[in-house]
């Protein structure tokens, strides 16, 4: 559940607030599904042209699965409640990484990777100094800002390496 109070995010005891963006509202999501459609089209054309089994099925299947796994593994989102922070995936619905709020030392909102095309994500540092990074390639800056605000309200230290400010989103 989400209630707005004085432009602050207030979390209820019962519900979760999802910080996510739809797959077709982002460049990464559009690119994934356009690539999958193109590979499927190539397979259909090969079948119509009477090509063999390898050209028509196996090669597009391998390419399609490779792209699918590569891009969907970066489509994580965050669910937040008063008691826990959960990392889930938009496509792989079985992914469910749960952190109790009491074990989180800090959350870092940062760029993951060294290339210019690196994606932004969330790194969680726990009290026992374990560090886990999750790419959130569907997020836009506003989603990251909302997540930052929600984490601060829960008393979690947030390190913002993206320079998100409240004035940017007014």
C-alpha atoms as a PDB file:
ATOM      1  CA  UNK A   1       0.000   0.000   0.000  1.00  0.00           C
ATOM      2  CA  UNK A   2       1.178   3.471  -0.722  1.00  0.00           C
ATOM      3  CA  UNK A   3      -0.075   6.648   0.889  1.00  0.00           C
ATOM      4  CA  UNK A   4       1.144  10.130   0.046  1.00  0.00           C
ATOM      5  CA  UNK A   5       1.610  12.489   2.959  1.00  0.00           C
ATOM      6  CA  UNK A   6       3.418  15.829   2.624  1.00  0.00           C
ATOM      7  CA  UNK A   7       5.061  14.569  -0.584  1.00  0.00           C
ATOM      8  CA  UNK A   8       6.698  11.791   1.452  1.00  0.00           C
ATOM      9  CA  UNK A   9       6.349   8.089   0.866  1.00  0.00           C
ATOM     10  CA  UNK A  10       4.645   6.440   3.842  1.00  0.00           C
ATOM     11  CA  UNK A  11       4.747   2.662   3.987  1.00  0.00           C
ATOM     12  CA  UNK A  12       2.055   0.640   5.709  1.00  0.00           C
ATOM     13  CA  UNK A  13       2.857  -2.344   7.914  1.00  0.00           C
ATOM     14  CA  UNK A  14       0.937  -4.732   5.662  1.00  0.00           C
ATOM     15  CA  UNK A  15       1.861  -3.786   2.141  1.00  0.00           C
ATOM     16  CA  UNK A  16       4.752  -3.454  -0.183  1.00  0.00           C
ATOM     17  CA  UNK A  17       5.631  -0.596  -2.463  1.00  0.00           C
ATOM     18  CA  UNK A  18       6.997  -1.741  -5.806  1.00  0.00           C
ATOM     19  CA  UNK A  19       9.707   0.317  -7.428  1.00  0.00           C
ATOM     20  CA  UNK A  20       9.587  -0.866 -11.020  1.00  0.00           C
ATOM     21  CA  UNK A  21       9.024   0.244 -14.583  1.00  0.00           C
ATOM     22  CA  UNK A  22       7.137  -1.718 -17.236  1.00  0.00           C
ATOM     23  CA  UNK A  23       9.240  -3.648 -19.723  1.00  0.00           C
ATOM     24  CA  UNK A  24       7.905  -1.853 -22.788  1.00  0.00           C
ATOM     25  CA  UNK A  25       8.430   1.579 -21.209  1.00  0.00           C
ATOM     26  CA  UNK A  26      12.221   1.242 -21.279  1.00  0.00           C
ATOM     27  CA  UNK A  27      14.837   1.027 -24.002  1.00  0.00           C
ATOM     28  CA  UNK A  28      16.214  -2.273 -22.675  1.00  0.00           C
ATOM     29  CA  UNK A  29      12.779  -3.908 -22.579  1.00  0.00           C
ATOM     30  CA  UNK A  30      11.884  -2.714 -26.081  1.00  0.00           C
ATOM     31  CA  UNK A  31      15.246  -3.882 -27.425  1.00  0.00           C
ATOM     32  CA  UNK A  32      14.814  -7.326 -25.858  1.00  0.00           C
ATOM     33  CA  UNK A  33      11.381  -7.975 -27.305  1.00  0.00           C
ATOM     34  CA  UNK A  34      12.253  -6.500 -30.733  1.00  0.00           C
ATOM     35  CA  UNK A  35      15.330  -8.759 -30.861  1.00  0.00           C
ATOM     36  CA  UNK A  36      13.219 -11.776 -29.916  1.00  0.00           C
ATOM     37  CA  UNK A  37      10.642 -10.894 -32.607  1.00  0.00           C
ATOM     38  CA  UNK A  38      13.415 -10.503 -35.210  1.00  0.00           C
ATOM     39  CA  UNK A  39      14.949 -13.876 -34.346  1.00  0.00           C
ATOM     40  CA  UNK A  40      11.518 -15.541 -34.492  1.00  0.00           C
ATOM     41  CA  UNK A  41      10.876 -13.903 -37.865  1.00  0.00           C
ATOM     42  CA  UNK A  42      14.190 -15.230 -39.190  1.00  0.00           C
ATOM     43  CA  UNK A  43      13.178 -18.733 -38.104  1.00  0.00           C
ATOM     44  CA  UNK A  44       9.798 -18.418 -39.831  1.00  0.00           C
ATOM     45  CA  UNK A  45      11.431 -17.166 -43.042  1.00  0.00           C
ATOM     46  CA  UNK A  46      13.859 -20.096 -42.965  1.00  0.00           C
ATOM     47  CA  UNK A  47      10.946 -22.531 -42.612  1.00  0.00           C
ATOM     48  CA  UNK A  48       9.064 -20.912 -45.515  1.00  0.00           C
ATOM     49  CA  UNK A  49      12.195 -21.075 -47.696  1.00  0.00           C
ATOM     50  CA  UNK A  50      12.541 -24.787 -46.967  1.00  0.00           C
ATOM     51  CA  UNK A  51      15.846 -24.623 -45.103  1.00  0.00           C
ATOM     52  CA  UNK A  52      16.962 -27.491 -42.920  1.00  0.00           C
ATOM     53  CA  UNK A  53      16.191 -28.027 -39.248  1.00  0.00           C
ATOM     54  CA  UNK A  54      19.428 -26.400 -38.029  1.00  0.00           C
ATOM     55  CA  UNK A  55      18.863 -23.124 -39.885  1.00  0.00           C
ATOM     56  CA  UNK A  56      15.146 -22.941 -39.163  1.00  0.00           C
ATOM     57  CA  UNK A  57      15.031 -23.919 -35.500  1.00  0.00           C
ATOM     58  CA  UNK A  58      18.314 -24.473 -33.714  1.00  0.00           C
ATOM     59  CA  UNK A  59      20.260 -21.302 -34.599  1.00  0.00           C
ATOM     60  CA  UNK A  60      17.361 -18.874 -33.897  1.00  0.00           C
ATOM     61  CA  UNK A  61      16.571 -20.779 -30.695  1.00  0.00           C
ATOM     62  CA  UNK A  62      20.149 -20.497 -29.415  1.00  0.00           C
ATOM     63  CA  UNK A  63      20.382 -16.810 -30.360  1.00  0.00           C
ATOM     64  CA  UNK A  64      16.974 -16.070 -28.873  1.00  0.00           C
ATOM     65  CA  UNK A  65      17.702 -17.813 -25.579  1.00  0.00           C
ATOM     66  CA  UNK A  66      21.101 -16.116 -25.311  1.00  0.00           C
ATOM     67  CA  UNK A  67      19.672 -12.621 -25.766  1.00  0.00           C
ATOM     68  CA  UNK A  68      16.715 -13.407 -23.531  1.00  0.00           C
ATOM     69  CA  UNK A  69      18.840 -14.595 -20.600  1.00  0.00           C
ATOM     70  CA  UNK A  70      21.334 -11.738 -21.031  1.00  0.00           C
ATOM     71  CA  UNK A  71      18.751  -8.952 -20.971  1.00  0.00           C
ATOM     72  CA  UNK A  72      16.175 -10.349 -18.574  1.00  0.00           C
ATOM     73  CA  UNK A  73      18.784 -10.996 -15.897  1.00  0.00           C
ATOM     74  CA  UNK A  74      19.188  -7.207 -15.661  1.00  0.00           C
ATOM     75  CA  UNK A  75      15.470  -6.473 -15.289  1.00  0.00           C
ATOM     76  CA  UNK A  76      15.310  -6.446 -11.497  1.00  0.00           C
ATOM     77  CA  UNK A  77      13.017  -4.334  -9.381  1.00  0.00           C
ATOM     78  CA  UNK A  78      12.657  -3.597  -5.678  1.00  0.00           C
ATOM     79  CA  UNK A  79       9.750  -4.225  -3.292  1.00  0.00           C
ATOM     80  CA  UNK A  80       9.919  -2.362  -0.023  1.00  0.00           C
ATOM     81  CA  UNK A  81       7.967  -2.679   3.213  1.00  0.00           C
ATOM     82  CA  UNK A  82       8.614  -1.611   6.796  1.00  0.00           C
ATOM     83  CA  UNK A  83      10.209  -4.979   7.560  1.00  0.00           C
ATOM     84  CA  UNK A  84      11.970  -6.097   4.403  1.00  0.00           C
ATOM     85  CA  UNK A  85      13.470  -5.181   1.066  1.00  0.00           C
ATOM     86  CA  UNK A  86      12.950  -7.698  -1.708  1.00  0.00           C
ATOM     87  CA  UNK A  87      14.731  -7.884  -5.060  1.00  0.00           C
ATOM     88  CA  UNK A  88      12.602  -9.486  -7.765  1.00  0.00           C
ATOM     89  CA  UNK A  89      12.867  -9.867 -11.541  1.00  0.00           C
ATOM     90  CA  UNK A  90      10.280  -8.701 -14.080  1.00  0.00           C
ATOM     91  CA  UNK A  91      10.574 -11.866 -16.176  1.00  0.00           C
ATOM     92  CA  UNK A  92      12.029 -14.581 -13.933  1.00  0.00           C
ATOM     93  CA  UNK A  93       9.233 -14.520 -11.376  1.00  0.00           C
ATOM     94  CA  UNK A  94      10.946 -17.132  -9.211  1.00  0.00           C
ATOM     95  CA  UNK A  95      13.759 -14.724  -8.325  1.00  0.00           C
ATOM     96  CA  UNK A  96      13.058 -13.502  -4.825  1.00  0.00           C
ATOM     97  CA  UNK A  97      15.980 -12.181  -2.749  1.00  0.00           C
ATOM     98  CA  UNK A  98      14.750 -10.957   0.656  1.00  0.00           C
ATOM     99  CA  UNK A  99      16.674  -8.709   3.054  1.00  0.00           C
ATOM    100  CA  UNK A 100      15.339  -7.819   6.485  1.00  0.00           C
ATOM    101  CA  UNK A 101      15.586  -4.066   7.044  1.00  0.00           C
ATOM    102  CA  UNK A 102      17.449  -4.725  10.308  1.00  0.00           C
ATOM    103  CA  UNK A 103      20.358  -6.460   8.507  1.00  0.00           C
ATOM    104  CA  UNK A 104      20.902  -3.782   5.849  1.00  0.00           C
ATOM    105  CA  UNK A 105      23.796  -1.464   6.698  1.00  0.00           C
ATOM    106  CA  UNK A 106      23.541   0.718   3.599  1.00  0.00           C
ATOM    107  CA  UNK A 107      22.207   0.768   0.066  1.00  0.00           C
ATOM    108  CA  UNK A 108      24.245   2.229  -2.762  1.00  0.00           C
ATOM    109  CA  UNK A 109      22.518   3.548  -5.853  1.00  0.00           C
ATOM    110  CA  UNK A 110      25.187   3.452  -8.519  1.00  0.00           C
ATOM    111  CA  UNK A 111      26.351   2.660 -11.976  1.00  0.00           C
ATOM    112  CA  UNK A 112      27.162  -1.053 -12.293  1.00  0.00           C
ATOM    113  CA  UNK A 113      29.957  -1.808 -14.753  1.00  0.00           C
ATOM    114  CA  UNK A 114      32.793   0.204 -16.203  1.00  0.00           C
ATOM    115  CA  UNK A 115      31.669   0.745 -19.785  1.00  0.00           C
ATOM    116  CA  UNK A 116      29.720   3.730 -21.055  1.00  0.00           C
ATOM    117  CA  UNK A 117      26.759   1.419 -21.583  1.00  0.00           C
ATOM    118  CA  UNK A 118      26.821   0.171 -17.999  1.00  0.00           C
ATOM    119  CA  UNK A 119      23.439  -0.016 -16.333  1.00  0.00           C
ATOM    120  CA  UNK A 120      22.390   1.530 -13.100  1.00  0.00           C
ATOM    121  CA  UNK A 121      21.570  -0.628 -10.170  1.00  0.00           C
ATOM    122  CA  UNK A 122      21.369  -1.142  -6.447  1.00  0.00           C
ATOM    123  CA  UNK A 123      24.128  -2.525  -4.241  1.00  0.00           C
ATOM    124  CA  UNK A 124      23.157  -3.763  -0.791  1.00  0.00           C
ATOM    125  CA  UNK A 125      25.731  -3.903   2.005  1.00  0.00           C
ATOM    126  CA  UNK A 126      24.608  -5.944   5.002  1.00  0.00           C
ATOM    127  CA  UNK A 127      25.750  -5.675   8.624  1.00  0.00           C
ATOM    128  CA  UNK A 128      28.078  -8.658   8.138  1.00  0.00           C
ATOM    129  CA  UNK A 129      29.700  -6.704   5.242  1.00  0.00           C
ATOM    130  CA  UNK A 130      28.356  -8.909   2.460  1.00  0.00           C
ATOM    131  CA  UNK A 131      27.864  -6.940  -0.738  1.00  0.00           C
ATOM    132  CA  UNK A 132      25.393  -7.855  -3.503  1.00  0.00           C
ATOM    133  CA  UNK A 133      24.688  -5.841  -6.652  1.00  0.00           C
ATOM    134  CA  UNK A 134      21.527  -5.993  -8.719  1.00  0.00           C
ATOM    135  CA  UNK A 135      21.165  -4.345 -12.130  1.00  0.00           C
ATOM    136  CA  UNK A 136      17.903  -2.441 -12.506  1.00  0.00           C
ATOM    137  CA  UNK A 137      18.094  -1.628 -16.198  1.00  0.00           C
ATOM    138  CA  UNK A 138      14.419  -0.689 -16.485  1.00  0.00           C
ATOM    139  CA  UNK A 139      14.609   2.026 -13.826  1.00  0.00           C
ATOM    140  CA  UNK A 140      14.617   5.682 -14.727  1.00  0.00           C
ATOM    141  CA  UNK A 141      16.041   8.427 -12.517  1.00  0.00           C
ATOM    142  CA  UNK A 142      12.638   9.162 -10.951  1.00  0.00           C
ATOM    143  CA  UNK A 143      12.236   5.521  -9.876  1.00  0.00           C
ATOM    144  CA  UNK A 144      15.673   5.578  -8.266  1.00  0.00           C
ATOM    145  CA  UNK A 145      14.800   8.835  -6.481  1.00  0.00           C
ATOM    146  CA  UNK A 146      11.550   7.343  -5.135  1.00  0.00           C
ATOM    147  CA  UNK A 147      13.477   4.280  -3.925  1.00  0.00           C
ATOM    148  CA  UNK A 148      16.075   6.498  -2.272  1.00  0.00           C
ATOM    149  CA  UNK A 149      13.326   8.445  -0.484  1.00  0.00           C
ATOM    150  CA  UNK A 150      11.621   5.254   0.708  1.00  0.00           C
ATOM    151  CA  UNK A 151      14.883   3.814   2.042  1.00  0.00           C
ATOM    152  CA  UNK A 152      15.768   7.009   3.904  1.00  0.00           C
ATOM    153  CA  UNK A 153      12.325   7.034   5.529  1.00  0.00           C
ATOM    154  CA  UNK A 154      13.023   3.524   6.818  1.00  0.00           C
ATOM    155  CA  UNK A 155      16.258   4.741   8.401  1.00  0.00           C
ATOM    156  CA  UNK A 156      18.588   3.027   5.929  1.00  0.00           C
ATOM    157  CA  UNK A 157      21.735   4.887   4.950  1.00  0.00           C
ATOM    158  CA  UNK A 158      21.708   5.535   1.191  1.00  0.00           C
ATOM    159  CA  UNK A 159      24.788   6.414  -0.821  1.00  0.00           C
ATOM    160  CA  UNK A 160      23.680   8.124  -4.009  1.00  0.00           C
ATOM    161  CA  UNK A 161      26.337   7.984  -6.737  1.00  0.00           C
ATOM    162  CA  UNK A 162      23.878   9.280  -9.343  1.00  0.00           C
ATOM    163  CA  UNK A 163      23.387  12.753  -7.860  1.00  0.00           C
ATOM    164  CA  UNK A 164      19.613  12.525  -7.475  1.00  0.00           C
ATOM    165  CA  UNK A 165      18.056  15.683  -6.057  1.00  0.00           C
ATOM    166  CA  UNK A 166      14.512  16.580  -5.093  1.00  0.00           C
ATOM    167  CA  UNK A 167      14.572  19.698  -7.303  1.00  0.00           C
ATOM    168  CA  UNK A 168      15.113  17.519 -10.369  1.00  0.00           C
ATOM    169  CA  UNK A 169      11.693  15.870  -9.957  1.00  0.00           C
ATOM    170  CA  UNK A 170       9.460  18.776  -8.939  1.00  0.00           C
END
